[in-house]
Amino acid sequence: MSGWRVVRPLILLAAVCVLAVAAWFYHTCYRQPLLTGTQAVVIRIAPGQPLRAIARHLAERGVLAHPLNLVLLARLRGQSSAVRAGEYRIQPGTTVAQLLDQLASGQVLLHSLTLVDGWTFKQVLDAVERDPDLMHTLTGLKPAQVMARLGHPNEHPEGRFFPDTYSFAHGTTDVAFLERAYRSMQQKLAAAWQQRAQNLPYQSAYEALIMASVIEKETGRPDERARIAGVFVRRLQKDMKLQSDPTVIYGLGDSYTGNITLHDLRADTPYNSYTRHGLPPTPICMPPLAAIEAALHPAAGDALYFVARGDGTHQFSATLAEQNAAVRKYQLARDGRHRS
């Protein structure tokens, strides 16, 4: 009996200690926020990085006061091997338990890159190459080689990628990023093609994409896209040349100086719509969905010509005489150059 009197207090003391430790562990894991201060903290977890190393790194950065807590909590919850690689933003007020949930669920930090309406493929590659959060595997490759890497050999890349803002995790490859933009364009173009108007002068959705790219380069005004599409469609139906400056500029490539001349308009290239009938052989930029819709639903009317007014809008004309008068009014007085 005397022995029990000695042991009993020790057992009670041990129980109190266990409860105290448990309470402290619960508080530090579920109640007490990490030491992030008022600013979010960004961490990167490499593939296969052990949880102990992650906890140690957080402690070294002053975020985790007790790194062993993260490890023990993960073991208790069976999440020791559930942490996913990636980049994470730890917000102020986050607890150890919430951090573990975040790491196990893969709620990685997302970055974004915008492919701008009307960009060329060269501009797309430049933007992808400059993005610090993409993994670059295409550096130095020519456009044809890039398309082969994407699984689309022998396809001209221009216009194949949908202009949009894309979110992605740090370390996403440039191939995966471009594949996503490629798929988006194919899906949107196919859906729009199914809903196209009747009696259009296109043999395929790709030809509609070409037309959309020309429309996009001709006007920056949403309210003019369908009207310009109507002009081009009627010209094609009448076997008239498109006579679109942007196609000429695209064909000039790096030799274009920023000022198109009469010599440029007369210099024959596959993209010179002043010297050749029909559509150019490929798109000349990435058109947005609005330009594709305009190409597939052109505005009705009798206009066969248009000329820039110099304020971002265009003057539309049904006859050559009206067009020549508009050219004299809006262009010849301004820059001494003919445009029809």
Protein backbone atom coordinates (compact mmCIF):
# COMPACT_ATOMS: atom_id res chain seq x y z
CA MET A 1 0.00 0.00 0.00
CA SER A 2 2.82 2.32 0.81
CA GLY A 3 4.31 1.59 -2.63
CA TRP A 4 1.06 2.62 -4.31
CA ARG A 5 1.10 5.88 -2.37
CA VAL A 6 4.50 6.62 -3.87
CA VAL A 7 3.67 5.55 -7.44
CA ARG A 8 0.24 7.19 -7.64
CA PRO A 9 1.52 10.79 -7.50
CA LEU A 10 4.11 9.93 -10.11
CA ILE A 11 1.45 8.54 -12.42
CA LEU A 12 -0.69 11.62 -11.89
CA LEU A 13 2.30 13.86 -12.53
CA ALA A 14 3.11 11.96 -15.70
CA ALA A 15 -0.51 12.23 -16.85
CA VAL A 16 -0.51 15.96 -16.19
CA CYS A 17 2.72 16.30 -18.14
CA VAL A 18 1.32 14.32 -21.06
CA LEU A 19 -1.83 16.44 -21.07
CA ALA A 20 0.23 19.60 -20.88
CA VAL A 21 2.43 18.50 -23.77
CA ALA A 22 -0.64 17.47 -25.74
CA ALA A 23 -2.30 20.81 -25.06
CA TRP A 24 0.86 22.67 -26.06
CA PHE A 25 1.20 20.55 -29.22
CA TYR A 26 -2.45 21.16 -30.12
CA HIS A 27 -2.12 24.89 -29.51
CA THR A 28 1.08 25.30 -31.52
CA CYS A 29 -0.25 23.17 -34.40
CA TYR A 30 -3.90 24.22 -34.61
CA ARG A 31 -4.15 27.62 -32.94
CA GLN A 32 -0.87 29.46 -33.06
CA PRO A 33 -0.11 31.08 -36.45
CA LEU A 34 3.24 30.62 -38.12
CA LEU A 35 5.83 33.37 -37.86
CA THR A 36 5.03 35.00 -41.19
CA GLY A 37 4.38 38.45 -39.81
CA THR A 38 2.08 40.52 -42.01
CA GLN A 39 3.53 39.39 -45.35
CA ALA A 40 2.93 36.15 -47.21
CA VAL A 41 5.92 33.83 -47.51
CA VAL A 42 6.65 31.87 -50.69
CA ILE A 43 8.40 28.50 -50.45
CA ARG A 44 9.38 25.96 -53.09
CA ILE A 45 9.37 22.21 -52.47
CA ALA A 46 11.45 20.10 -54.79
CA PRO A 47 10.21 16.69 -55.97
CA GLY A 48 11.11 14.04 -53.42
CA GLN A 49 12.18 16.55 -50.76
CA PRO A 50 11.75 14.97 -47.27
CA LEU A 51 9.34 16.57 -44.86
CA ARG A 52 12.12 16.98 -42.30
CA ALA A 53 14.10 19.03 -44.81
CA ILE A 54 11.05 21.16 -45.54
CA ALA A 55 10.47 21.78 -41.84
CA ARG A 56 14.13 22.61 -41.31
CA HIS A 57 14.05 25.07 -44.22
CA LEU A 58 10.98 26.79 -42.79
CA ALA A 59 12.69 27.05 -39.41
CA GLU A 60 15.80 28.54 -41.01
CA ARG A 61 13.63 31.16 -42.69
CA GLY A 62 12.05 32.00 -39.33
CA VAL A 63 8.60 30.78 -40.37
CA LEU A 64 8.35 27.64 -38.23
CA ALA A 65 9.27 27.99 -34.57
CA HIS A 66 9.23 24.26 -33.87
CA PRO A 67 10.05 22.25 -37.04
CA LEU A 68 9.47 18.93 -35.27
CA ASN A 69 5.79 19.84 -34.88
CA LEU A 70 5.21 19.68 -38.63
CA VAL A 71 6.91 16.29 -38.84
CA LEU A 72 5.05 14.82 -35.85
CA LEU A 73 1.69 16.15 -36.98
CA ALA A 74 2.21 14.65 -40.44
CA ARG A 75 2.99 11.28 -38.87
CA LEU A 76 -0.05 11.41 -36.59
CA ARG A 77 -2.30 12.23 -39.55
CA GLY A 78 -0.66 9.79 -41.95
CA GLN A 79 0.50 12.58 -44.28
CA SER A 80 4.26 12.18 -44.05
CA SER A 81 4.52 11.15 -47.71
CA ALA A 82 1.55 13.18 -48.95
CA VAL A 83 3.37 16.49 -49.41
CA ARG A 84 3.47 17.51 -53.07
CA ALA A 85 6.24 19.35 -54.83
CA GLY A 86 5.62 22.89 -56.02
CA GLU A 87 5.62 26.52 -55.02
CA TYR A 88 3.39 27.60 -52.14
CA ARG A 89 2.34 30.95 -50.72
CA ILE A 90 1.92 30.84 -46.94
CA GLN A 91 -0.50 33.54 -45.90
CA PRO A 92 -0.29 35.36 -42.55
CA GLY A 93 -2.34 33.58 -39.92
CA THR A 94 -1.70 30.11 -41.32
CA THR A 95 -1.23 27.41 -38.67
CA VAL A 96 0.97 24.32 -38.85
CA ALA A 97 -2.10 22.15 -39.47
CA GLN A 98 -3.33 24.42 -42.26
CA LEU A 99 0.13 24.46 -43.80
CA LEU A 100 0.22 20.67 -43.80
CA ASP A 101 -3.22 20.56 -45.46
CA GLN A 102 -2.00 23.02 -48.07
CA LEU A 103 1.13 21.02 -48.83
CA ALA A 104 -0.75 17.71 -48.98
CA SER A 105 -3.53 19.02 -51.22
CA GLY A 106 -1.13 20.57 -53.72
CA GLN A 107 -2.58 24.08 -53.47
CA VAL A 108 0.39 25.51 -55.29
CA LEU A 109 0.99 29.14 -56.13
CA LEU A 110 -0.15 29.92 -59.69
CA HIS A 111 1.57 32.34 -62.03
CA SER A 112 0.10 33.75 -65.21
CA LEU A 113 1.22 34.73 -68.68
CA THR A 114 -0.92 36.60 -71.18
CA LEU A 115 -0.74 35.90 -74.90
CA VAL A 116 -2.01 39.13 -76.41
CA ASP A 117 -4.60 39.36 -79.19
CA GLY A 118 -2.85 39.86 -82.51
CA TRP A 119 0.58 38.65 -81.43
CA THR A 120 2.67 36.71 -83.91
CA PHE A 121 4.21 33.35 -83.08
CA LYS A 122 7.58 35.08 -82.72
CA GLN A 123 6.12 37.34 -80.04
CA VAL A 124 4.60 34.32 -78.30
CA LEU A 125 7.94 32.52 -78.17
CA ASP A 126 9.68 35.67 -76.92
CA ALA A 127 7.16 36.02 -74.07
CA VAL A 128 7.42 32.34 -73.15
CA GLU A 129 11.21 32.48 -73.20
CA ARG A 130 11.28 35.52 -70.89
CA ASP A 131 8.89 34.10 -68.30
CA PRO A 132 10.95 33.14 -65.22
CA ASP A 133 8.43 30.65 -63.88
CA LEU A 134 8.31 28.39 -66.93
CA MET A 135 10.85 25.64 -67.45
CA HIS A 136 12.56 26.38 -70.75
CA THR A 137 13.15 23.38 -73.01
CA LEU A 138 12.63 25.01 -76.42
CA THR A 139 15.39 27.63 -76.30
CA GLY A 140 17.15 27.98 -79.61
CA LEU A 141 14.72 25.84 -81.59
CA LYS A 142 13.25 27.04 -84.86
CA PRO A 143 9.44 27.34 -85.21
CA ALA A 144 9.24 24.08 -87.18
CA GLN A 145 11.19 22.30 -84.47
CA VAL A 146 8.92 23.75 -81.79
CA MET A 147 5.85 22.46 -83.60
CA ALA A 148 7.45 19.03 -83.89
CA ARG A 149 8.12 19.03 -80.14
CA LEU A 150 4.47 19.88 -79.59
CA GLY A 151 3.44 16.88 -81.64
CA HIS A 152 2.33 18.84 -84.71
CA PRO A 153 5.09 18.49 -87.28
CA ASN A 154 4.63 20.17 -90.67
CA GLU A 155 2.09 22.62 -89.26
CA HIS A 156 2.82 26.32 -89.65
CA PRO A 157 2.67 27.76 -86.11
CA GLU A 158 1.18 31.15 -86.88
CA GLY A 159 -2.31 31.59 -85.48
CA ARG A 160 -2.39 28.15 -83.89
CA PHE A 161 -2.33 29.40 -80.28
CA PHE A 162 -5.27 31.07 -78.59
CA PRO A 163 -4.59 34.51 -77.08
CA ASP A 164 -5.61 34.44 -73.44
CA THR A 165 -4.25 34.67 -69.90
CA TYR A 166 -3.04 31.26 -68.72
CA SER A 167 -2.35 30.29 -65.11
CA PHE A 168 0.31 27.71 -64.34
CA ALA A 169 2.48 26.39 -61.54
CA HIS A 170 6.15 27.25 -61.24
CA GLY A 171 8.22 24.78 -63.21
CA THR A 172 5.60 24.07 -65.86
CA THR A 173 7.42 23.40 -69.11
CA ASP A 174 7.16 25.72 -72.07
CA VAL A 175 5.95 22.72 -74.06
CA ALA A 176 3.04 22.12 -71.67
CA PHE A 177 2.16 25.82 -71.71
CA LEU A 178 2.11 26.01 -75.51
CA GLU A 179 0.21 22.72 -75.80
CA ARG A 180 -2.53 24.22 -73.66
CA ALA A 181 -2.78 27.36 -75.82
CA TYR A 182 -2.78 25.18 -78.95
CA ARG A 183 -5.62 23.00 -77.65
CA SER A 184 -7.61 26.05 -76.65
CA MET A 185 -7.43 27.48 -80.17
CA GLN A 186 -8.38 24.18 -81.78
CA GLN A 187 -11.38 23.77 -79.49
CA LYS A 188 -12.65 27.31 -79.89
CA LEU A 189 -12.13 27.34 -83.65
CA ALA A 190 -13.91 23.99 -84.07
CA ALA A 191 -16.88 25.14 -81.98
CA ALA A 192 -17.15 28.44 -83.87
CA TRP A 193 -16.86 26.66 -87.23
CA GLN A 194 -19.86 24.48 -86.38
CA GLN A 195 -21.96 27.62 -85.86
CA ARG A 196 -20.77 29.49 -88.98
CA ALA A 197 -23.04 31.39 -91.35
CA GLN A 198 -23.98 29.90 -94.70
CA ASN A 199 -22.34 30.57 -98.08
CA LEU A 200 -18.95 31.63 -96.79
CA PRO A 201 -15.95 31.46 -99.17
CA TYR A 202 -13.92 29.19 -96.90
CA GLN A 203 -13.07 25.58 -97.60
CA SER A 204 -12.05 24.82 -94.02
CA ALA A 205 -11.92 26.16 -90.48
CA TYR A 206 -8.25 26.91 -91.07
CA GLU A 207 -9.14 29.33 -93.87
CA ALA A 208 -11.55 31.05 -91.48
CA LEU A 209 -8.68 31.32 -89.01
CA ILE A 210 -6.55 32.97 -91.69
CA MET A 211 -9.30 35.47 -92.40
CA ALA A 212 -9.76 36.16 -88.69
CA SER A 213 -6.06 36.97 -88.35
CA VAL A 214 -6.27 39.51 -91.18
CA ILE A 215 -9.37 41.08 -89.63
CA GLU A 216 -7.62 41.36 -86.27
CA LYS A 217 -4.66 43.16 -87.81
CA GLU A 218 -6.88 45.51 -89.81
CA THR A 219 -8.81 46.97 -86.89
CA GLY A 220 -8.54 47.35 -83.15
CA ARG A 221 -12.20 48.29 -82.85
CA PRO A 222 -14.58 45.48 -81.86
CA ASP A 223 -17.50 47.20 -83.60
CA GLU A 224 -15.70 47.16 -86.95
CA ARG A 225 -14.58 43.54 -87.10
CA ALA A 226 -17.76 42.18 -88.68
CA ARG A 227 -17.93 45.06 -91.20
CA ILE A 228 -14.35 44.48 -92.31
CA ALA A 229 -15.07 40.76 -92.50
CA GLY A 230 -18.02 41.59 -94.76
CA VAL A 231 -15.78 43.59 -97.10
CA PHE A 232 -13.20 40.80 -97.36
CA VAL A 233 -15.82 38.08 -97.83
CA ARG A 234 -17.50 40.00 -100.63
CA ARG A 235 -14.13 40.63 -102.30
CA LEU A 236 -13.32 36.92 -102.18
CA GLN A 237 -16.73 36.07 -103.60
CA LYS A 238 -16.13 38.49 -106.49
CA ASP A 239 -12.57 37.20 -107.03
CA MET A 240 -11.15 40.60 -106.04
CA LYS A 241 -7.81 40.87 -104.30
CA LEU A 242 -8.06 41.49 -100.56
CA GLN A 243 -5.56 44.37 -100.73
CA SER A 244 -4.78 44.24 -97.01
CA ASP A 245 -1.70 46.09 -95.78
CA PRO A 246 -1.15 43.77 -92.76
CA THR A 247 -0.66 40.77 -95.05
CA VAL A 248 1.99 42.69 -96.97
CA ILE A 249 3.73 43.70 -93.75
CA TYR A 250 3.75 40.11 -92.51
CA GLY A 251 5.29 38.97 -95.77
CA LEU A 252 8.04 41.57 -95.47
CA GLY A 253 9.13 40.05 -92.16
CA ASP A 254 12.13 41.71 -90.53
CA SER A 255 12.66 43.94 -93.56
CA TYR A 256 9.56 45.97 -92.67
CA THR A 257 10.73 49.35 -91.38
CA GLY A 258 7.47 50.58 -89.93
CA ASN A 259 6.35 52.54 -92.99
CA ILE A 260 4.77 50.62 -95.85
CA THR A 261 5.58 52.00 -99.31
CA LEU A 262 4.29 51.62 -102.85
CA HIS A 263 7.33 49.47 -103.54
CA ASP A 264 6.28 47.18 -100.68
CA LEU A 265 2.75 46.93 -102.05
CA ARG A 266 4.09 45.90 -105.46
CA ALA A 267 6.75 43.48 -104.22
CA ASP A 268 5.29 40.02 -104.70
CA THR A 269 5.42 37.60 -101.75
CA PRO A 270 3.07 34.73 -100.83
CA TYR A 271 1.45 37.15 -98.36
CA ASN A 272 1.04 40.16 -100.67
CA SER A 273 -2.71 40.43 -101.10
CA TYR A 274 -2.21 43.30 -103.56
CA THR A 275 -0.45 41.01 -106.05
CA ARG A 276 -2.21 37.71 -105.31
CA HIS A 277 -5.81 36.59 -105.18
CA GLY A 278 -7.38 34.76 -102.28
CA LEU A 279 -6.30 34.38 -98.71
CA PRO A 280 -2.67 34.41 -97.60
CA PRO A 281 -1.21 30.91 -97.11
CA THR A 282 -1.29 31.04 -93.30
CA PRO A 283 -2.65 33.27 -90.53
CA ILE A 284 -0.61 36.40 -89.88
CA CYS A 285 -1.23 36.58 -86.11
CA MET A 286 -3.19 35.04 -83.25
CA PRO A 287 -6.80 36.23 -83.62
CA PRO A 288 -9.09 36.36 -80.60
CA LEU A 289 -12.44 34.63 -80.57
CA ALA A 290 -14.18 37.89 -81.53
CA ALA A 291 -12.21 38.05 -84.78
CA ILE A 292 -12.98 34.39 -85.51
CA GLU A 293 -16.67 35.04 -84.92
CA ALA A 294 -16.51 38.04 -87.25
CA ALA A 295 -14.89 35.94 -89.98
CA LEU A 296 -17.65 33.35 -89.62
CA HIS A 297 -20.47 35.89 -89.28
CA PRO A 298 -19.57 38.83 -91.53
CA ALA A 299 -21.83 41.86 -91.61
CA ALA A 300 -24.14 42.20 -94.57
CA GLY A 301 -23.80 45.19 -96.87
CA ASP A 302 -22.41 46.37 -100.18
CA ALA A 303 -19.08 47.86 -99.10
CA LEU A 304 -16.08 46.54 -101.04
CA TYR A 305 -13.48 48.99 -99.75
CA PHE A 306 -12.40 50.72 -96.57
CA VAL A 307 -9.74 53.22 -95.64
CA ALA A 308 -8.36 54.29 -92.27
CA ARG A 309 -9.53 57.70 -91.10
CA GLY A 310 -6.49 58.14 -88.88
CA ASP A 311 -8.44 58.03 -85.62
CA GLY A 312 -8.71 54.25 -85.33
CA THR A 313 -11.91 53.99 -87.39
CA HIS A 314 -12.46 53.29 -91.10
CA GLN A 315 -14.49 54.78 -93.91
CA PHE A 316 -16.34 52.10 -95.87
CA SER A 317 -17.22 52.48 -99.55
CA ALA A 318 -19.26 50.49 -102.05
CA THR A 319 -17.62 51.81 -105.21
CA LEU A 320 -14.09 52.56 -106.33
CA ALA A 321 -15.01 56.19 -106.93
CA GLU A 322 -16.18 56.52 -103.32
CA GLN A 323 -13.02 54.77 -102.13
CA ASN A 324 -10.73 57.06 -104.11
CA ALA A 325 -12.49 60.08 -102.66
CA ALA A 326 -12.06 58.66 -99.14
CA VAL A 327 -8.38 57.96 -99.80
CA ARG A 328 -7.84 61.55 -100.92
CA LYS A 329 -9.63 62.81 -97.84
CA TYR A 330 -8.12 60.58 -95.19
CA GLN A 331 -4.75 59.38 -96.47
CA LEU A 332 -3.20 61.26 -99.34
CA ALA A 333 -3.38 64.56 -97.47
CA ARG A 334 -1.80 62.89 -94.44
CA ASP A 335 1.01 60.73 -95.80
CA GLY A 336 0.98 60.92 -99.57
CA ARG A 337 0.38 57.19 -99.99
CA HIS A 338 -2.36 55.33 -101.84
CA ARG A 339 -4.37 52.58 -100.18
CA SER A 340 -7.32 50.68 -101.62
